[in-house]
Protein backbone atom coordinates (compact mmCIF):
# COMPACT_ATOMS: atom_id res chain seq x y z
CA MET A 1 0.00 0.00 0.00
CA GLU A 2 1.12 3.46 -0.76
CA LYS A 3 1.78 5.70 2.20
CA TRP A 4 0.13 9.02 2.36
CA LYS A 5 2.63 11.79 2.23
CA TRP A 6 2.17 15.03 3.99
CA ASN A 7 1.46 17.86 1.58
CA PRO A 8 1.69 21.39 2.94
CA TYR A 9 -0.49 22.73 0.14
CA MET A 10 -3.28 20.34 1.08
CA ASN A 11 -2.97 21.43 4.68
CA MET A 12 -3.16 25.07 3.71
CA THR A 13 -6.16 24.34 1.53
CA GLY A 14 -7.89 22.66 4.44
CA LYS A 15 -7.15 25.60 6.69
CA GLN A 16 -8.58 27.94 4.05
CA ASP A 17 -11.71 25.83 3.82
CA GLY A 18 -12.09 25.93 7.58
CA LEU A 19 -11.64 29.67 7.66
CA LYS A 20 -14.25 30.05 4.94
CA GLN A 21 -16.68 27.90 6.89
CA ARG A 22 -16.09 29.84 10.10
CA GLY A 23 -16.43 33.12 8.18
CA CYS A 24 -19.71 31.97 6.74
CA LEU A 25 -20.91 31.03 10.22
CA LYS A 26 -19.90 34.45 11.55
CA THR A 27 -21.57 36.16 8.61
CA GLY A 28 -24.71 34.17 9.19
CA LYS A 29 -24.70 35.05 12.89
CA SER A 30 -24.19 38.73 12.16
CA LEU A 31 -27.01 38.69 9.63
CA GLU A 32 -29.21 36.95 12.15
CA LEU A 33 -28.36 39.54 14.79
CA GLN A 34 -29.06 42.34 12.32
CA ASP A 35 -32.36 40.72 11.45
CA ILE A 36 -33.31 40.49 15.12
CA ALA A 37 -32.23 44.10 15.75
CA ARG A 38 -34.41 45.28 12.87
CA GLY A 39 -37.37 43.34 14.15
CA GLY A 40 -36.84 40.56 11.64
CA ASN A 41 -38.46 37.90 13.73
CA ARG A 42 -40.96 36.39 11.35
CA GLY A 43 -43.49 35.68 14.05
CA ARG A 44 -43.39 39.28 15.29
CA MET A 45 -43.48 40.67 11.78
CA SER A 46 -46.46 38.55 10.85
CA GLY A 47 -48.26 39.58 14.02
CA ARG A 48 -47.55 43.24 13.40
CA GLY A 49 -48.69 42.95 9.77
CA LYS A 50 -51.87 41.27 10.92
CA ARG A 51 -52.56 44.04 13.40
CA GLU A 52 -51.87 46.72 10.77
CA ARG A 53 -54.31 44.98 8.41
CA GLU A 54 -56.89 44.98 11.19
CA VAL A 55 -56.39 48.70 11.69
CA LYS A 56 -56.74 49.39 7.96
CA THR A 57 -59.86 47.26 7.47
CA GLY A 58 -61.37 48.11 10.83
CA ARG A 59 -61.70 44.44 11.78
CA GLY A 60 -60.54 42.88 14.96
CA ILE A 61 -59.99 46.19 16.80
CA GLY A 62 -63.21 46.06 18.73
CA GLN A 63 -62.98 42.30 19.32
CA ASP A 64 -60.44 42.56 22.15
CA LYS A 65 -62.24 42.61 25.45
CA ASP A 66 -59.28 43.45 27.66
CA VAL A 67 -58.31 46.81 26.16
CA LYS A 68 -55.59 48.40 28.28
CA THR A 69 -54.73 52.04 28.59
CA ALA A 70 -51.32 53.61 28.14
CA GLY A 71 -50.62 53.69 31.86
CA GLU A 72 -51.58 50.05 32.42
CA ASP A 73 -49.65 48.57 29.56
CA GLY A 74 -46.62 50.82 29.53
CA PRO A 75 -45.05 52.55 26.55
CA GLY A 76 -45.54 51.05 23.14
CA ARG A 77 -44.64 51.52 19.50
CA GLU A 78 -46.26 54.27 17.42
CA THR A 79 -47.12 53.56 13.81
CA LYS A 80 -48.79 55.70 11.15
CA ILE A 81 -51.22 53.88 8.88
CA GLY A 82 -53.49 55.71 6.48
CA GLY A 83 -53.00 59.02 8.27
CA LYS A 84 -53.93 57.50 11.64
CA LEU A 85 -51.74 57.43 14.74
CA ASN A 86 -51.71 53.88 16.13
CA ILE A 87 -49.95 52.85 19.35
CA THR A 88 -49.11 49.14 19.68
CA ARG A 89 -48.75 48.13 23.32
CA ARG A 90 -46.69 45.29 24.73
CA SER A 91 -49.74 43.10 24.88
CA GLY A 92 -50.18 43.44 21.13
CA LEU A 93 -53.27 45.63 21.27
CA VAL A 94 -53.52 48.54 18.83
CA ARG A 95 -55.05 51.87 19.83
CA THR A 96 -55.99 54.31 17.08
CA LEU A 97 -55.68 57.94 18.16
CA GLY A 98 -56.76 59.82 15.06
CA THR A 99 -55.72 61.66 11.96
CA ILE A 100 -52.31 63.36 12.02
CA PRO A 101 -50.36 65.24 9.36
CA LYS A 102 -48.17 63.21 7.06
CA ALA A 103 -44.52 62.79 7.93
CA GLY A 104 -43.18 64.85 5.05
CA SER A 105 -45.87 67.53 5.12
CA ARG A 106 -44.91 71.06 6.03
CA PRO A 107 -47.12 73.24 8.18
CA PRO A 108 -48.76 76.17 6.37
CA GLU A 109 -47.10 79.54 6.57
CA THR A 110 -48.23 81.92 9.27
CA ARG A 111 -50.47 84.81 8.25
CA ASP A 112 -50.96 88.19 9.86
CA TYR A 113 -54.72 88.72 9.96
CA ARG A 114 -54.29 92.35 10.98
CA ILE A 115 -53.20 93.14 7.42
CA TYR A 116 -55.45 92.43 4.45
CA ARG A 117 -53.83 92.29 1.02
CA LEU A 118 -56.09 92.73 -1.97
CA SER A 119 -55.60 90.34 -4.83
CA ALA A 120 -55.37 91.47 -8.45
CA LYS A 121 -58.91 90.22 -9.10
CA GLU A 122 -60.27 92.22 -6.15
CA TRP A 123 -58.49 95.36 -7.36
CA VAL A 124 -60.09 95.00 -10.80
CA VAL A 125 -63.58 94.11 -9.56
CA TYR A 126 -63.85 96.79 -6.86
CA GLY A 127 -62.12 99.36 -9.07
CA CYS A 128 -64.75 98.82 -11.77
CA MET A 129 -67.48 99.08 -9.15
CA GLY A 130 -66.06 102.39 -7.90
CA ILE A 131 -65.80 103.83 -11.40
CA SER A 132 -69.38 102.74 -12.15
CA ALA A 133 -70.63 104.40 -8.95
CA CYS A 134 -68.82 107.62 -9.91
CA ALA A 135 -70.44 107.53 -13.34
CA VAL A 136 -73.92 107.15 -11.79
CA VAL A 137 -73.30 109.99 -9.30
CA ALA A 138 -71.91 112.31 -12.01
CA TYR A 139 -74.89 111.64 -14.29
CA THR A 140 -77.51 111.99 -11.52
CA PHE A 141 -76.19 115.17 -9.86
CA TYR A 142 -74.29 117.00 -12.62
CA ARG A 143 -74.89 115.46 -16.07
CA SER A 144 -71.30 116.35 -16.88
CA PHE A 145 -68.44 114.27 -18.25
CA MET A 146 -65.97 116.62 -16.58
CA ALA A 147 -67.53 115.84 -13.20
CA PHE A 148 -67.08 112.15 -13.95
CA LEU A 149 -63.38 112.67 -14.69
CA ILE A 150 -62.98 114.58 -11.42
CA MET A 151 -64.69 111.78 -9.46
CA MET A 152 -62.85 108.93 -11.19
CA PRO A 153 -59.79 108.96 -8.83
CA ALA A 154 -62.16 108.49 -5.91
CA GLY A 155 -63.67 105.51 -7.71
CA LEU A 156 -60.23 104.02 -8.28
CA LEU A 157 -59.61 104.27 -4.51
CA PHE A 158 -62.80 102.36 -3.71
CA PRO A 159 -60.86 99.04 -3.29
CA LEU A 160 -59.00 100.62 -0.37
CA TYR A 161 -62.31 101.46 1.29
CA LYS A 162 -63.64 97.97 0.59
CA LYS A 163 -60.47 96.52 2.08
CA ARG A 164 -61.62 97.55 5.57
CA ASN A 165 -64.92 95.71 5.19
CA LEU A 166 -63.19 92.60 3.85
CA LYS A 167 -60.78 92.62 6.78
CA GLN A 168 -63.64 92.91 9.29
CA GLU A 169 -65.51 90.03 7.66
CA ARG A 170 -62.40 87.83 7.69
CA THR A 171 -61.80 88.65 11.38
CA ARG A 172 -65.41 87.78 12.15
CA GLN A 173 -65.13 84.43 10.36
CA LEU A 174 -61.86 83.69 12.16
CA GLY A 175 -63.54 84.35 15.52
CA LEU A 176 -66.36 81.93 14.67
CA GLN A 177 -63.93 79.25 13.54
CA PHE A 178 -61.74 79.74 16.61
CA LYS A 179 -64.77 79.21 18.83
CA GLU A 180 -65.48 75.88 17.12
CA GLY A 181 -61.82 74.87 17.33
CA ILE A 182 -61.60 75.57 21.07
CA LEU A 183 -64.79 73.59 21.74
CA VAL A 184 -63.45 70.62 19.77
CA LEU A 185 -60.10 70.81 21.60
CA ALA A 186 -61.84 70.97 24.97
CA SER A 187 -63.90 67.87 24.11
CA TYR A 188 -60.79 65.87 23.17
CA LEU A 189 -58.87 66.96 26.26
CA GLY A 190 -61.86 66.08 28.41
CA ALA A 191 -61.90 62.62 26.81
CA GLY A 192 -58.35 62.02 28.08
CA TYR A 193 -56.21 62.84 25.05
CA SER A 194 -52.87 64.52 25.49
CA LEU A 195 -52.37 68.04 24.19
CA GLU A 196 -50.32 66.93 21.16
CA ASN A 197 -52.76 64.21 20.12
CA GLY A 198 -55.70 66.51 20.86
CA LEU A 199 -54.36 69.20 18.52
CA ALA A 200 -53.72 66.56 15.83
CA MET A 201 -57.27 65.25 16.20
CA CYS A 202 -58.67 68.80 16.10
CA THR A 203 -56.82 69.47 12.86
CA GLY A 204 -58.49 66.49 11.19
CA GLU A 205 -61.88 67.38 12.63
CA LEU A 206 -61.69 71.02 11.52
CA GLU A 207 -60.47 69.98 8.09
CA GLY A 208 -63.73 68.08 7.65
CA ILE A 209 -65.75 71.16 8.70
CA TYR A 210 -63.93 74.08 7.05
CA GLY A 211 -61.74 72.31 4.50
CA LYS A 212 -57.99 72.01 4.26
CA GLN A 213 -57.62 75.70 3.33
CA GLY A 214 -59.72 76.94 6.25
CA MET A 215 -58.13 79.59 8.43
CA ILE A 216 -58.55 77.74 11.71
CA THR A 217 -57.50 74.47 10.09
CA GLU A 218 -54.18 75.99 9.06
CA GLU A 219 -53.70 77.60 12.48
CA PHE A 220 -54.31 74.36 14.36
CA ALA A 221 -51.92 72.58 11.99
CA ILE A 222 -49.29 75.20 12.91
CA LEU A 223 -50.01 74.63 16.61
CA ALA A 224 -49.72 70.84 16.25
CA SER A 225 -46.47 71.17 14.29
CA GLY A 226 -45.02 73.55 16.89
CA VAL A 227 -45.90 71.20 19.76
CA ARG A 228 -44.20 68.31 17.93
CA MET A 229 -41.07 70.49 17.72
CA ASN A 230 -41.21 70.97 21.52
CA ARG A 231 -42.28 74.61 21.36
CA PRO A 232 -44.42 75.84 24.30
CA VAL A 233 -48.06 75.78 23.28
CA GLU A 234 -48.81 78.93 25.30
CA LEU A 235 -46.19 80.79 23.25
CA LEU A 236 -47.80 79.53 20.03
CA LEU A 237 -51.22 80.67 21.23
CA MET A 238 -49.87 84.12 22.13
CA GLU A 239 -48.38 84.41 18.65
CA LEU A 240 -51.75 83.46 17.17
CA GLY A 241 -53.48 86.07 19.34
CA ALA A 242 -51.03 88.75 18.21
CA ARG A 243 -51.42 87.83 14.54
CA SER A 244 -55.19 87.46 14.60
CA GLY A 245 -55.99 90.76 16.29
CA LEU A 246 -58.81 89.06 18.24
CA GLU A 247 -59.21 89.76 21.94
CA ASP A 248 -60.74 86.33 22.51
CA VAL A 249 -57.67 84.53 21.18
CA ASP A 250 -55.32 86.76 23.18
CA HIS A 251 -57.30 86.27 26.40
CA PHE A 252 -57.47 82.52 25.88
CA ALA A 253 -53.69 82.40 25.40
CA GLN A 254 -53.15 84.32 28.64
CA VAL A 255 -55.52 82.06 30.58
CA PHE A 256 -53.91 78.95 29.11
CA ALA A 257 -50.40 80.18 30.02
CA ALA A 258 -51.50 80.99 33.59
CA ALA A 259 -53.08 77.55 33.96
CA ARG A 260 -49.93 75.81 32.73
CA ARG A 261 -47.71 77.80 35.11
CA SER A 262 -49.93 77.32 38.15
CA GLY A 263 -50.53 73.63 37.47
CA GLY A 264 -54.29 73.99 37.81
CA GLU A 265 -56.98 71.84 36.24
CA LEU A 266 -56.26 72.60 32.61
CA VAL A 267 -59.30 70.83 31.14
CA GLY A 268 -61.75 72.62 33.44
CA ILE A 269 -60.17 76.02 32.79
CA ILE A 270 -60.24 75.47 29.01
CA ASN A 271 -63.89 74.38 29.15
CA TYR A 272 -64.85 77.44 31.21
CA THR A 273 -62.97 79.83 28.92
CA ALA A 274 -64.40 78.15 25.81
CA GLY A 275 -67.89 78.59 27.26
CA ILE A 276 -67.32 82.33 27.79
CA ILE A 277 -66.01 82.73 24.22
CA ARG A 278 -68.97 80.74 22.90
CA ASP A 279 -71.49 82.94 24.72
CA LYS A 280 -69.80 86.11 23.46
CA VAL A 281 -69.76 84.88 19.86
CA GLN A 282 -73.41 83.85 20.13
CA VAL A 283 -74.34 87.37 21.26
CA GLN A 284 -72.39 88.84 18.35
CA GLU A 285 -74.14 86.53 15.89
CA GLU A 286 -77.56 87.40 17.32
CA ILE A 287 -76.82 91.11 16.89
CA HIS A 288 -75.55 90.46 13.37
CA THR A 289 -78.74 88.55 12.54
CA MET A 290 -81.00 91.23 14.04
CA THR A 291 -79.27 94.03 12.13
CA ALA A 292 -79.10 92.12 8.83
CA SER A 293 -82.55 93.36 7.80
CA GLN A 294 -81.64 96.97 8.68
CA VAL A 295 -78.44 96.69 6.66
CA PHE A 296 -80.45 95.49 3.68
CA GLU A 297 -82.90 98.36 4.13
CA GLN A 298 -79.99 100.79 4.26
CA LYS A 299 -78.69 99.50 0.93
CA ILE A 300 -82.13 99.95 -0.63
CA MET A 301 -82.46 103.49 0.76
CA ASN A 302 -79.05 104.39 -0.60
CA GLY A 303 -80.31 103.69 -4.12
CA ILE A 304 -83.70 105.40 -3.75
CA PRO A 305 -82.53 109.00 -4.59
CA PHE A 306 -80.94 107.84 -7.84
CA LEU A 307 -84.04 105.87 -8.81
CA ILE A 308 -86.29 108.86 -8.10
CA VAL A 309 -84.18 111.22 -10.22
CA LEU A 310 -83.91 108.73 -13.09
CA TYR A 311 -87.67 108.01 -12.94
CA ILE A 312 -88.59 111.71 -13.14
CA ASP A 313 -86.05 112.24 -15.90
CA LEU A 314 -87.56 109.42 -17.97
CA THR A 315 -91.20 110.34 -17.39
CA SER A 316 -90.75 114.14 -17.57
CA PRO A 317 -87.76 114.99 -19.76
CA GLY A 318 -86.32 118.45 -19.05
CA PHE A 319 -87.82 118.74 -15.55
CA PHE A 320 -84.37 119.01 -13.92
CA ARG A 321 -82.79 121.03 -16.73
CA VAL A 322 -82.50 124.13 -14.56
CA MET A 323 -80.58 122.14 -11.93
CA TYR A 324 -77.89 121.14 -14.44
CA GLU A 325 -77.53 124.28 -16.59
CA THR A 326 -77.35 127.11 -14.04
CA MET A 327 -74.80 127.84 -11.32
CA MET A 328 -77.50 127.99 -8.65
CA GLY A 329 -78.81 124.61 -9.73
CA ARG A 330 -75.34 123.04 -9.63
CA ALA A 331 -74.77 124.47 -6.17
CA VAL A 332 -78.07 123.00 -4.95
CA MET A 333 -77.18 119.60 -6.42
CA THR A 334 -73.77 119.76 -4.76
CA ILE A 335 -75.45 120.43 -1.41
CA CYS A 336 -77.82 117.50 -2.04
CA LEU A 337 -74.84 115.26 -2.80
CA ALA A 338 -73.13 116.31 0.44
CA VAL A 339 -76.30 115.62 2.46
CA TYR A 340 -76.64 112.22 0.77
CA LEU A 341 -73.03 111.27 1.60
CA GLY A 342 -73.50 112.42 5.22
CA ALA A 343 -76.67 110.34 5.59
CA TRP A 344 -74.90 107.31 4.08
CA LEU A 345 -71.97 107.55 6.49
CA LEU A 346 -74.30 108.13 9.47
CA SER A 347 -76.39 105.06 8.65
CA LYS A 348 -73.27 102.89 8.42
CA ARG A 349 -72.05 104.27 11.74
CA ILE A 350 -75.36 103.48 13.45
CA LEU A 351 -75.41 99.87 12.27
CA GLU A 352 -71.86 99.16 13.47
CA ILE A 353 -72.42 97.61 16.89
CA GLU A 354 -69.44 96.24 18.79
CA VAL A 355 -69.69 93.72 21.62
C-alpha cells in the first residue's frame, strides 16, 4: 500500500476551507443579529402585519375585550397607517388615536390677519365698481363728463375702502372658527387625550368642517407642528393672538399660560374659557342677525334718490334742466350730494355695533 505523504499545500487548503466555513458562520450570525435588531423575527413581523391589516380594514380592533390604557400597559410603538396614529402596546393591542399630518408635510405659513392684502382680481372688480358708482353719481347730480373725470380717482380708490370691510368680515369668520376649534379641543382633552394628540385630532376634525384651506385648520396645523417640535403651546397661542388681532384669542392664550404655570386643572379652565367665548360669539351673531334686515334696508335706501331722479327724468324729460344748466342749480345739487353722503356715512355708523 502506498503511504500518504504530507502535503503542505493540502494542509493550507484545508485551513482555508475551515476559515471560509467559520467566516460563513460568523456572517450568518451577524445577519441573524441584524435581522433580530431590525425586528426581523418572522413571528413578530407577521403579528404586526396582521394588526396593521386589522387597523386598515377596521376588523378585529373592537374584538379585544381586555383593552388596556397607556398607563396600564406601559409605553408602546407608534405607527402611522393611512393618516392615523396607532400605538401598539406590549400586549399586542392597537389603539388608534386619530388623523395626524403626514410625515413629510410642512405646516402652512403663518399669516398676519391684521393686514389684508387685496388680490389682483379684487383690485379689478372693486375698481370697476367704484368707477361705475362715480359715473352714476356724475350723471344723476351734474350730467357732466368733466364731473365724472374729477370723481374717477375716488372711484379708483374704492378698493381701499372695501379693504376695511373685507378685513372685518375675515376677522369675524376667524372668531367663529376659533370658537369651534376651542370647543373641539376641549372635548378631546376632556376625553383624556394629550395636548399633542388633541391638537392633531382637532386638525383632522376642523379639516372636515372648514376644508384644508380653512383659516382655523391651518392655524391648528401650525399649533400641532409647533408642539411636535417641543415649542411651548402657550407661546404659540400668544403668537396666534397677536397675529389674529382678536381679543378672545389673546385672552385665551393668557388664561392657558396661567393655567400651565400654576398647574391647575387645565381641562376645566379650558372648558370654562371656551364657554365664555362661545357665549360672546353667540351674542355677536344674534346682533348680526338682528341688524341684517336693517343693513339690507340701508342698501335699498341708498339707491332710492338715484331711482327717483332717473324716474322723473324718464317720465318728464327736461324737468331738472335748470338744476344742471345754471350755477345755482349746480350748487343745490352739490349740497344734495353732500347731504346724501353724510346720511350714508351716518347710517353705516349706526349699524356698526361692537360687543
